[in-house]
Amino acid sequence: MPEAWYRLGQLRSQKGDTPGAVAAYATSLKGWPRISWAPDATVKLAAALTDANRPNDACSAIEQFDKVYGKMATIETKTLAKAIRVKDKCP
């Protein structure tokens, strides 16, 4: 079921539904699952939070990404996380 929320987040993001994407990604990540799509979902949550003008929340999501998923993430996901970190001036 969490993967369905992740996919819904992707769809909502593509449709420009930022609040819906934030809610779907956040729901998919309850309990910080250790599954292949979780690093991507966390960074996409951060990107949606950035789009929603919530940089502090985006930085918190990136911090969790680093702690929980940083080592298992793809290069592409790590690159997006770095871009969000710079854009939102995360510590």
C-alpha atoms as a PDB file:
ATOM      1  CA  MET A   1       0.000   0.000   0.000  1.00  0.00           C
ATOM      2  CA  PRO A   2       2.779   2.539   0.696  1.00  0.00           C
ATOM      3  CA  GLU A   3       4.028   2.142  -2.870  1.00  0.00           C
ATOM      4  CA  ALA A   4       0.585   3.111  -4.140  1.00  0.00           C
ATOM      5  CA  TRP A   5       0.879   6.370  -2.184  1.00  0.00           C
ATOM      6  CA  TYR A   6       4.327   6.918  -3.715  1.00  0.00           C
ATOM      7  CA  ARG A   7       2.897   6.427  -7.213  1.00  0.00           C
ATOM      8  CA  LEU A   8       0.006   8.742  -6.377  1.00  0.00           C
ATOM      9  CA  GLY A   9       2.559  11.349  -5.283  1.00  0.00           C
ATOM     10  CA  GLN A  10       4.252  11.056  -8.656  1.00  0.00           C
ATOM     11  CA  LEU A  11       0.942  11.479 -10.483  1.00  0.00           C
ATOM     12  CA  ARG A  12      -0.110  14.446  -8.382  1.00  0.00           C
ATOM     13  CA  SER A  13       3.273  16.068  -8.882  1.00  0.00           C
ATOM     14  CA  GLN A  14       3.023  15.631 -12.668  1.00  0.00           C
ATOM     15  CA  LYS A  15      -0.451  17.223 -12.585  1.00  0.00           C
ATOM     16  CA  GLY A  16       0.846  20.229 -10.631  1.00  0.00           C
ATOM     17  CA  ASP A  17      -1.038  19.260  -7.455  1.00  0.00           C
ATOM     18  CA  THR A  18       1.735  20.191  -5.024  1.00  0.00           C
ATOM     19  CA  PRO A  19      -0.326  19.867  -1.806  1.00  0.00           C
ATOM     20  CA  GLY A  20      -1.604  16.483  -2.976  1.00  0.00           C
ATOM     21  CA  ALA A  21       1.909  15.339  -3.850  1.00  0.00           C
ATOM     22  CA  VAL A  22       3.212  16.381  -0.427  1.00  0.00           C
ATOM     23  CA  ALA A  23       0.416  14.460   1.299  1.00  0.00           C
ATOM     24  CA  ALA A  24       0.868  11.334  -0.837  1.00  0.00           C
ATOM     25  CA  TYR A  25       4.664  11.204  -0.503  1.00  0.00           C
ATOM     26  CA  ALA A  26       4.443  11.805   3.249  1.00  0.00           C
ATOM     27  CA  THR A  27       1.909   8.995   3.608  1.00  0.00           C
ATOM     28  CA  SER A  28       4.093   6.623   1.592  1.00  0.00           C
ATOM     29  CA  LEU A  29       7.009   7.267   3.943  1.00  0.00           C
ATOM     30  CA  LYS A  30       5.270   6.595   7.272  1.00  0.00           C
ATOM     31  CA  GLY A  31       7.752   4.570   9.324  1.00  0.00           C
ATOM     32  CA  TRP A  32      10.612   5.332   6.898  1.00  0.00           C
ATOM     33  CA  PRO A  33      10.408   2.029   5.002  1.00  0.00           C
ATOM     34  CA  ARG A  34      13.582   0.380   3.741  1.00  0.00           C
ATOM     35  CA  ILE A  35      12.468  -0.256   0.189  1.00  0.00           C
ATOM     36  CA  SER A  36      13.923   0.615  -3.214  1.00  0.00           C
ATOM     37  CA  TRP A  37      11.627   3.558  -3.989  1.00  0.00           C
ATOM     38  CA  ALA A  38      11.834   5.206  -0.537  1.00  0.00           C
ATOM     39  CA  PRO A  39      14.937   7.359  -1.208  1.00  0.00           C
ATOM     40  CA  ASP A  40      13.309   8.752  -4.353  1.00  0.00           C
ATOM     41  CA  ALA A  41      10.038   9.372  -2.504  1.00  0.00           C
ATOM     42  CA  THR A  42      11.861  11.288   0.228  1.00  0.00           C
ATOM     43  CA  VAL A  43      13.659  13.559  -2.222  1.00  0.00           C
ATOM     44  CA  LYS A  44      10.481  14.083  -4.233  1.00  0.00           C
ATOM     45  CA  LEU A  45       8.709  14.978  -0.992  1.00  0.00           C
ATOM     46  CA  ALA A  46      11.438  17.562  -0.376  1.00  0.00           C
ATOM     47  CA  ALA A  47      11.023  18.902  -3.925  1.00  0.00           C
ATOM     48  CA  ALA A  48       7.252  19.207  -3.451  1.00  0.00           C
ATOM     49  CA  LEU A  49       7.813  21.000  -0.143  1.00  0.00           C
ATOM     50  CA  THR A  50      10.165  23.395  -1.944  1.00  0.00           C
ATOM     51  CA  ASP A  51       7.484  23.997  -4.576  1.00  0.00           C
ATOM     52  CA  ALA A  52       5.001  24.668  -1.753  1.00  0.00           C
ATOM     53  CA  ASN A  53       7.354  27.357  -0.405  1.00  0.00           C
ATOM     54  CA  ARG A  54       8.166  25.298   2.689  1.00  0.00           C
ATOM     55  CA  PRO A  55      11.986  25.320   2.627  1.00  0.00           C
ATOM     56  CA  ASN A  56      12.411  24.408   6.308  1.00  0.00           C
ATOM     57  CA  ASP A  57      10.277  21.306   5.842  1.00  0.00           C
ATOM     58  CA  ALA A  58      12.144  20.481   2.633  1.00  0.00           C
ATOM     59  CA  CYS A  59      15.434  20.711   4.527  1.00  0.00           C
ATOM     60  CA  SER A  60      14.051  18.380   7.200  1.00  0.00           C
ATOM     61  CA  ALA A  61      13.116  15.859   4.509  1.00  0.00           C
ATOM     62  CA  ILE A  62      16.613  16.090   3.012  1.00  0.00           C
ATOM     63  CA  GLU A  63      18.116  15.605   6.465  1.00  0.00           C
ATOM     64  CA  GLN A  64      16.039  12.426   6.886  1.00  0.00           C
ATOM     65  CA  PHE A  65      17.086  11.333   3.396  1.00  0.00           C
ATOM     66  CA  ASP A  66      20.737  11.688   4.372  1.00  0.00           C
ATOM     67  CA  LYS A  67      20.256   9.774   7.626  1.00  0.00           C
ATOM     68  CA  VAL A  68      18.022   6.978   6.425  1.00  0.00           C
ATOM     69  CA  TYR A  69      18.556   6.548   2.688  1.00  0.00           C
ATOM     70  CA  GLY A  70      21.719   8.360   1.627  1.00  0.00           C
ATOM     71  CA  LYS A  71      23.805   5.234   1.206  1.00  0.00           C
ATOM     72  CA  MET A  72      21.196   3.254  -0.739  1.00  0.00           C
ATOM     73  CA  ALA A  73      20.097   6.069  -3.079  1.00  0.00           C
ATOM     74  CA  THR A  74      20.961   6.280  -6.748  1.00  0.00           C
ATOM     75  CA  ILE A  75      23.349   8.925  -8.053  1.00  0.00           C
ATOM     76  CA  GLU A  76      20.408  10.675  -9.724  1.00  0.00           C
ATOM     77  CA  THR A  77      18.494  10.878  -6.434  1.00  0.00           C
ATOM     78  CA  LYS A  78      21.571  12.078  -4.557  1.00  0.00           C
ATOM     79  CA  THR A  79      22.096  14.776  -7.200  1.00  0.00           C
ATOM     80  CA  LEU A  80      18.500  15.985  -6.841  1.00  0.00           C
ATOM     81  CA  ALA A  81      18.869  16.004  -3.044  1.00  0.00           C
ATOM     82  CA  LYS A  82      21.994  18.137  -3.368  1.00  0.00           C
ATOM     83  CA  ALA A  83      20.203  20.595  -5.673  1.00  0.00           C
ATOM     84  CA  ILE A  84      17.335  20.956  -3.195  1.00  0.00           C
ATOM     85  CA  ARG A  85      19.808  21.407  -0.342  1.00  0.00           C
ATOM     86  CA  VAL A  86      21.471  24.270  -2.241  1.00  0.00           C
ATOM     87  CA  LYS A  87      18.215  25.874  -3.426  1.00  0.00           C
ATOM     88  CA  ASP A  88      16.696  25.880   0.060  1.00  0.00           C
ATOM     89  CA  LYS A  89      19.987  26.783   1.755  1.00  0.00           C
ATOM     90  CA  CYS A  90      19.835  23.749   4.030  1.00  0.00           C
ATOM     91  CA  PRO A  91      22.531  23.450   6.675  1.00  0.00           C
END
